[in-house]
Every structure is written in C-alpha cells, then in structure tokens.
N, C-alpha and C. Protein backbone atom coordinates (compact mmCIF):
# COMPACT_ATOMS: atom_id res chain seq x y z
N MET A 1 15.38 39.53 -0.25
CA MET A 1 16.00 40.33 -1.32
C MET A 1 17.44 39.95 -1.43
N LYS A 2 17.96 39.94 -2.67
CA LYS A 2 19.36 39.78 -2.87
C LYS A 2 19.93 41.10 -3.38
N VAL A 3 21.20 41.32 -2.87
CA VAL A 3 21.95 42.55 -3.24
C VAL A 3 23.29 42.15 -3.61
N LYS A 4 24.02 43.01 -4.42
CA LYS A 4 25.39 42.83 -4.76
C LYS A 4 26.07 43.94 -4.02
N TYR A 5 27.20 43.63 -3.35
CA TYR A 5 28.09 44.63 -2.72
C TYR A 5 28.89 45.29 -3.71
N ILE A 6 28.82 46.63 -3.80
CA ILE A 6 29.57 47.35 -4.84
C ILE A 6 30.56 48.34 -4.22
N GLY A 7 30.74 48.25 -2.90
CA GLY A 7 31.69 49.12 -2.17
C GLY A 7 33.05 48.50 -2.24
N LYS A 8 34.01 49.12 -1.55
CA LYS A 8 35.43 48.65 -1.42
C LYS A 8 35.41 47.32 -0.67
N PRO A 9 36.35 46.39 -1.06
CA PRO A 9 36.48 45.14 -0.37
C PRO A 9 36.66 45.37 1.13
N LEU A 10 36.08 44.60 1.91
CA LEU A 10 36.21 44.59 3.38
C LEU A 10 36.58 43.22 3.77
N VAL A 11 36.91 43.09 5.08
CA VAL A 11 37.14 41.75 5.61
C VAL A 11 35.91 41.01 5.71
N ALA A 12 34.73 41.76 5.99
CA ALA A 12 33.43 41.18 6.24
C ALA A 12 32.59 40.94 4.91
N LEU A 13 32.95 41.67 3.85
CA LEU A 13 32.21 41.60 2.62
C LEU A 13 33.16 41.61 1.36
N GLU A 14 32.90 40.75 0.29
CA GLU A 14 33.62 40.67 -0.82
C GLU A 14 33.01 41.62 -1.91
N ALA A 15 33.79 42.36 -2.59
CA ALA A 15 33.27 43.20 -3.68
C ALA A 15 32.64 42.30 -4.79
N ASN A 16 31.59 42.87 -5.25
CA ASN A 16 30.78 42.17 -6.36
C ASN A 16 30.20 40.86 -6.10
N LYS A 17 30.16 40.58 -4.82
CA LYS A 17 29.48 39.28 -4.38
C LYS A 17 28.05 39.59 -3.94
N ASN A 18 27.12 38.60 -4.30
CA ASN A 18 25.71 38.73 -3.92
C ASN A 18 25.54 38.25 -2.43
N TYR A 19 24.65 38.96 -1.80
CA TYR A 19 24.27 38.66 -0.38
C TYR A 19 22.77 38.72 -0.25
N ASP A 20 22.29 37.83 0.70
CA ASP A 20 20.79 37.94 1.03
C ASP A 20 20.66 39.01 2.10
N VAL A 21 19.61 39.82 1.96
CA VAL A 21 19.22 40.80 3.01
C VAL A 21 18.37 40.11 3.97
N LEU A 22 18.72 39.97 5.23
CA LEU A 22 17.95 39.28 6.25
C LEU A 22 16.83 40.17 6.64
N SER A 23 17.01 41.47 6.72
CA SER A 23 15.94 42.41 7.04
C SER A 23 16.44 43.81 6.75
N VAL A 24 15.49 44.65 6.67
CA VAL A 24 15.73 46.13 6.48
C VAL A 24 15.31 46.83 7.72
N GLU A 25 16.25 47.59 8.36
CA GLU A 25 16.07 48.28 9.60
C GLU A 25 16.46 49.70 9.40
N ASN A 26 15.40 50.58 9.65
CA ASN A 26 15.62 52.00 9.44
C ASN A 26 16.33 52.29 8.06
N GLY A 27 15.96 51.62 7.03
CA GLY A 27 16.58 51.83 5.73
C GLY A 27 17.88 51.09 5.45
N TRP A 28 18.47 50.52 6.47
CA TRP A 28 19.71 49.78 6.35
C TRP A 28 19.52 48.38 6.18
N TYR A 29 20.42 47.67 5.49
CA TYR A 29 20.35 46.17 5.20
C TYR A 29 21.11 45.44 6.31
N ARG A 30 20.37 44.37 6.84
CA ARG A 30 21.00 43.54 7.75
C ARG A 30 21.51 42.28 6.86
N ILE A 31 22.80 42.04 6.78
CA ILE A 31 23.48 41.06 5.99
C ILE A 31 24.32 40.13 6.75
N MET A 32 24.34 38.84 6.49
CA MET A 32 25.26 37.89 7.01
C MET A 32 26.54 37.95 6.32
N THR A 33 27.65 38.32 7.06
CA THR A 33 28.90 38.68 6.43
C THR A 33 29.79 37.42 6.27
N GLU A 34 30.92 37.49 5.75
CA GLU A 34 31.88 36.49 5.60
C GLU A 34 32.48 36.00 6.94
N LEU A 35 32.23 36.82 7.95
CA LEU A 35 32.63 36.37 9.36
C LEU A 35 31.54 35.55 10.06
N ASP A 36 30.44 35.19 9.29
CA ASP A 36 29.34 34.52 9.82
C ASP A 36 28.70 35.28 11.01
N GLU A 37 28.64 36.64 10.89
CA GLU A 37 27.87 37.43 11.86
C GLU A 37 27.11 38.46 10.97
N ASP A 38 25.96 38.77 11.51
CA ASP A 38 25.06 39.78 10.76
C ASP A 38 25.24 41.10 11.29
N TYR A 39 25.31 42.13 10.30
CA TYR A 39 25.52 43.49 10.62
C TYR A 39 24.67 44.31 9.73
N LEU A 40 24.44 45.65 10.16
CA LEU A 40 23.68 46.53 9.32
C LEU A 40 24.63 47.34 8.38
N PHE A 41 24.22 47.45 7.17
CA PHE A 41 25.11 48.26 6.14
C PHE A 41 24.20 49.23 5.46
N PRO A 42 24.77 50.35 4.99
CA PRO A 42 24.03 51.36 4.22
C PRO A 42 23.69 50.82 2.93
N PRO A 43 22.49 51.03 2.42
CA PRO A 43 21.96 50.66 1.13
C PRO A 43 22.81 51.10 -0.08
N GLU A 44 23.38 52.27 0.06
CA GLU A 44 24.21 52.78 -1.07
C GLU A 44 25.41 52.02 -1.40
N ALA A 45 25.82 51.02 -0.46
CA ALA A 45 26.89 50.26 -0.77
C ALA A 45 26.49 48.95 -1.56
N PHE A 46 25.28 48.89 -1.96
CA PHE A 46 24.74 47.68 -2.68
C PHE A 46 23.87 48.06 -3.88
N GLU A 47 23.71 47.14 -4.80
CA GLU A 47 22.70 47.28 -5.80
C GLU A 47 21.75 46.10 -5.72
N ILE A 48 20.50 46.29 -5.84
CA ILE A 48 19.49 45.21 -5.65
C ILE A 48 19.54 44.33 -7.03
N VAL A 49 19.76 43.04 -6.77
CA VAL A 49 19.83 42.06 -7.83
C VAL A 49 18.44 41.39 -7.97
N GLU A 50 17.77 41.05 -6.82
CA GLU A 50 16.49 40.37 -6.91
C GLU A 50 15.71 40.87 -5.73
N ASN A 51 14.37 41.22 -6.03
CA ASN A 51 13.49 41.66 -4.88
C ASN A 51 12.87 40.50 -4.20
C-alpha cells in the first residue's frame, strides 16, 4: 500500500510525500523513513494513495 504523509514535517518524514507501507501492525503503519529506518506511525497522519 502507498500512503501520503499529511502530518507536520518531521526529520524522519517529509510532508506530502508518498511512502510504501511495509506492514500494518495493530492498525499502525510500518514505514521506511528518510533516516533509512522503519518505524510505526498512526494511520491518521496519512492518506491512502494506492491499495
């Protein structure tokens, strides 16, 4: 699944950038960040671009 980050810019994520969801764990998205590390993020910070 591809999602677009719609939250405030962070060091790890760029606003309005699309990211691949590596997995969904307990409803949260595991995403590879700009720091080349994967983390869990709440789904309300993203909008789904492609299932």
